[in-house]
Amino acid sequence: MNADSRTVPPQAPRSEGSPVTPTPARRLVVPLGLFAAAAGALGYVGAVDPNEPGHYPVCPLYRLTGLYCPGCGGLRSAHALVHGDLLTALRDNAAGVAACLGLAVLWAVRTVRTARGRPPRTAPGPAHLWTVGALLLVFTVVRNLPAGGWLRP
């Protein structure tokens, strides 16, 4: 018996136009994995208080220039959200609260569409990305102006 005469088990015939449809449980692996990662990160931020020095690094932009970036206060904001204090979260970083809300909505839409077997289609278009970028730029400029003190962490 040589290498060319091996017996190969027969495979079930597959038509070219019919892809294998995953089960609903398999379709939810990625959204549930994203949820677990976000829950783990928020759980850590909720357990380790960013208001106490030494737990997290200081923002490099703030350290070098004294200017607040759009993310400054984000960990304190997330910590307040985890503990149910919405007003403190908004005071620490309003853009961070809006981002958490937006990402939660996108995740929910993607999960429902995926569970129903539809394509997720949650990728933002260029107009959305430019709008978010412009809003973050305005938020950053205003929070560093004397009149924007209410947006500082």
Protein backbone atom coordinates (compact mmCIF):
# COMPACT_ATOMS: atom_id res chain seq x y z
CA MET A 1 0.00 0.00 0.00
CA ASN A 2 1.53 3.31 -1.00
CA ALA A 3 0.71 6.88 0.07
CA ASP A 4 -1.52 7.47 -2.97
CA SER A 5 -3.88 4.64 -2.17
CA ARG A 6 -5.10 5.82 1.27
CA THR A 7 -8.75 5.61 2.00
CA VAL A 8 -10.40 9.01 2.41
CA PRO A 9 -13.70 9.11 4.29
CA PRO A 10 -16.53 10.41 2.12
CA GLN A 11 -17.83 13.90 2.86
CA ALA A 12 -21.41 15.00 2.67
CA PRO A 13 -22.10 16.87 -0.54
CA ARG A 14 -22.46 20.64 -0.14
CA SER A 15 -24.05 22.96 -2.59
CA GLU A 16 -21.99 26.03 -3.44
CA GLY A 17 -24.74 28.56 -2.70
CA SER A 18 -25.74 27.46 0.81
CA PRO A 19 -23.39 28.60 3.59
CA VAL A 20 -23.46 26.87 6.94
CA THR A 21 -25.79 28.79 9.28
CA PRO A 22 -24.47 28.99 12.84
CA THR A 23 -26.81 28.27 15.71
CA PRO A 24 -28.15 31.23 17.75
CA ALA A 25 -25.83 30.32 20.62
CA ARG A 26 -22.76 30.44 18.34
CA ARG A 27 -23.83 33.78 16.90
CA LEU A 28 -23.86 35.33 20.38
CA VAL A 29 -20.30 34.34 21.29
CA VAL A 30 -18.74 37.63 20.13
CA PRO A 31 -21.36 39.99 21.66
CA LEU A 32 -21.27 38.10 24.95
CA GLY A 33 -17.46 38.15 24.90
CA LEU A 34 -17.53 41.93 24.41
CA PHE A 35 -20.01 42.25 27.27
CA ALA A 36 -17.79 40.14 29.55
CA ALA A 37 -14.72 42.25 28.71
CA ALA A 38 -16.57 45.53 29.36
CA ALA A 39 -18.11 44.19 32.58
CA GLY A 40 -14.68 43.04 33.78
CA ALA A 41 -13.11 46.43 33.05
CA LEU A 42 -15.96 48.32 34.73
CA GLY A 43 -15.84 45.92 37.66
CA TYR A 44 -12.14 46.65 38.14
CA VAL A 45 -12.66 50.42 37.91
CA GLY A 46 -15.56 50.09 40.35
CA ALA A 47 -13.43 48.16 42.83
CA VAL A 48 -10.21 50.20 42.56
CA ASP A 49 -11.02 53.85 43.27
CA PRO A 50 -9.36 56.22 40.77
CA ASN A 51 -9.83 59.11 43.23
CA GLU A 52 -7.03 57.68 45.37
CA PRO A 53 -3.56 58.53 44.02
CA GLY A 54 -1.27 55.77 42.84
CA HIS A 55 -3.83 53.36 41.40
CA TYR A 56 -3.83 54.65 37.82
CA PRO A 57 -1.33 56.67 35.77
CA VAL A 58 -1.81 60.41 35.35
CA CYS A 59 -2.92 61.65 31.91
CA PRO A 60 0.29 62.42 29.98
CA LEU A 61 -1.25 65.47 28.26
CA TYR A 62 -2.35 66.92 31.58
CA ARG A 63 1.01 66.17 33.18
CA LEU A 64 2.99 67.82 30.37
CA THR A 65 0.74 70.77 29.50
CA GLY A 66 -1.86 71.19 32.24
CA LEU A 67 -4.61 70.82 29.60
CA TYR A 68 -7.51 68.41 29.97
CA CYS A 69 -7.96 65.89 27.15
CA PRO A 70 -11.42 64.47 26.31
CA GLY A 71 -10.64 61.41 28.42
CA CYS A 72 -9.50 63.23 31.58
CA GLY A 73 -11.82 62.25 34.40
CA GLY A 74 -13.07 59.21 32.49
CA LEU A 75 -11.99 56.68 35.11
CA ARG A 76 -13.55 58.74 37.91
CA SER A 77 -16.69 59.04 35.78
CA ALA A 78 -16.82 55.27 35.18
CA HIS A 79 -16.26 54.66 38.90
CA ALA A 80 -19.20 56.93 39.74
CA LEU A 81 -21.39 55.23 37.10
CA VAL A 82 -20.62 51.79 38.54
CA HIS A 83 -21.68 53.07 41.96
CA GLY A 84 -24.87 54.61 40.55
CA ASP A 85 -23.89 58.26 41.02
CA LEU A 86 -24.93 59.78 37.66
CA LEU A 87 -24.43 63.44 38.67
CA THR A 88 -20.84 62.84 39.79
CA ALA A 89 -20.19 60.84 36.63
CA LEU A 90 -21.47 63.71 34.47
CA ARG A 91 -19.40 66.21 36.45
CA ASP A 92 -16.21 64.15 36.06
CA ASN A 93 -16.57 63.53 32.31
CA ALA A 94 -19.84 64.19 30.51
CA ALA A 95 -18.40 62.94 27.21
CA GLY A 96 -17.45 59.66 28.90
CA VAL A 97 -21.01 59.16 30.13
CA ALA A 98 -22.34 59.88 26.62
CA ALA A 99 -19.81 57.42 25.17
CA CYS A 100 -20.86 54.69 27.64
CA LEU A 101 -24.50 55.24 26.75
CA GLY A 102 -23.78 55.22 23.01
CA LEU A 103 -21.66 52.08 23.22
CA ALA A 104 -24.32 50.31 25.31
CA VAL A 105 -26.97 51.14 22.68
CA LEU A 106 -24.70 49.98 19.82
CA TRP A 107 -23.92 46.76 21.69
CA ALA A 108 -27.62 46.09 22.33
CA VAL A 109 -28.54 46.70 18.67
CA ARG A 110 -25.70 44.48 17.48
CA THR A 111 -26.63 41.71 19.90
CA VAL A 112 -30.32 41.71 18.91
CA ARG A 113 -29.48 41.75 15.18
CA THR A 114 -26.93 38.96 15.64
CA ALA A 115 -29.37 36.84 17.67
CA ARG A 116 -31.93 37.18 14.87
CA GLY A 117 -29.37 36.08 12.28
CA ARG A 118 -29.13 39.47 10.59
CA PRO A 119 -25.84 41.23 9.74
CA PRO A 120 -24.77 43.50 12.63
CA ARG A 121 -24.37 46.71 10.54
CA THR A 122 -23.32 48.79 13.52
CA ALA A 123 -20.23 50.30 11.92
CA PRO A 124 -20.49 54.09 11.88
CA GLY A 125 -20.11 55.87 8.59
CA PRO A 126 -17.63 58.67 7.86
CA ALA A 127 -20.20 61.38 8.67
CA HIS A 128 -20.77 59.85 12.12
CA LEU A 129 -17.04 59.65 12.82
CA TRP A 130 -16.44 63.25 11.73
CA THR A 131 -19.33 64.41 13.91
CA VAL A 132 -18.02 62.57 16.97
CA GLY A 133 -14.52 63.93 16.33
CA ALA A 134 -15.83 67.50 16.01
CA LEU A 135 -17.88 67.15 19.22
CA LEU A 136 -14.86 65.82 21.11
CA LEU A 137 -12.73 68.68 19.80
CA VAL A 138 -15.33 71.25 20.92
CA PHE A 139 -15.65 69.49 24.30
CA THR A 140 -11.87 69.58 24.75
CA VAL A 141 -11.54 73.25 23.83
CA VAL A 142 -14.48 74.36 25.99
CA ARG A 143 -13.37 72.43 29.06
CA ASN A 144 -9.96 74.14 28.89
CA LEU A 145 -11.39 77.67 28.62
CA PRO A 146 -12.04 79.72 31.78
CA ALA A 147 -15.80 79.67 31.08
CA GLY A 148 -15.79 75.87 30.74
CA GLY A 149 -14.73 75.15 34.30
CA TRP A 150 -17.94 73.20 34.87
CA LEU A 151 -16.68 70.56 32.37
CA ARG A 152 -13.38 69.95 34.16
CA PRO A 153 -12.91 66.87 36.30
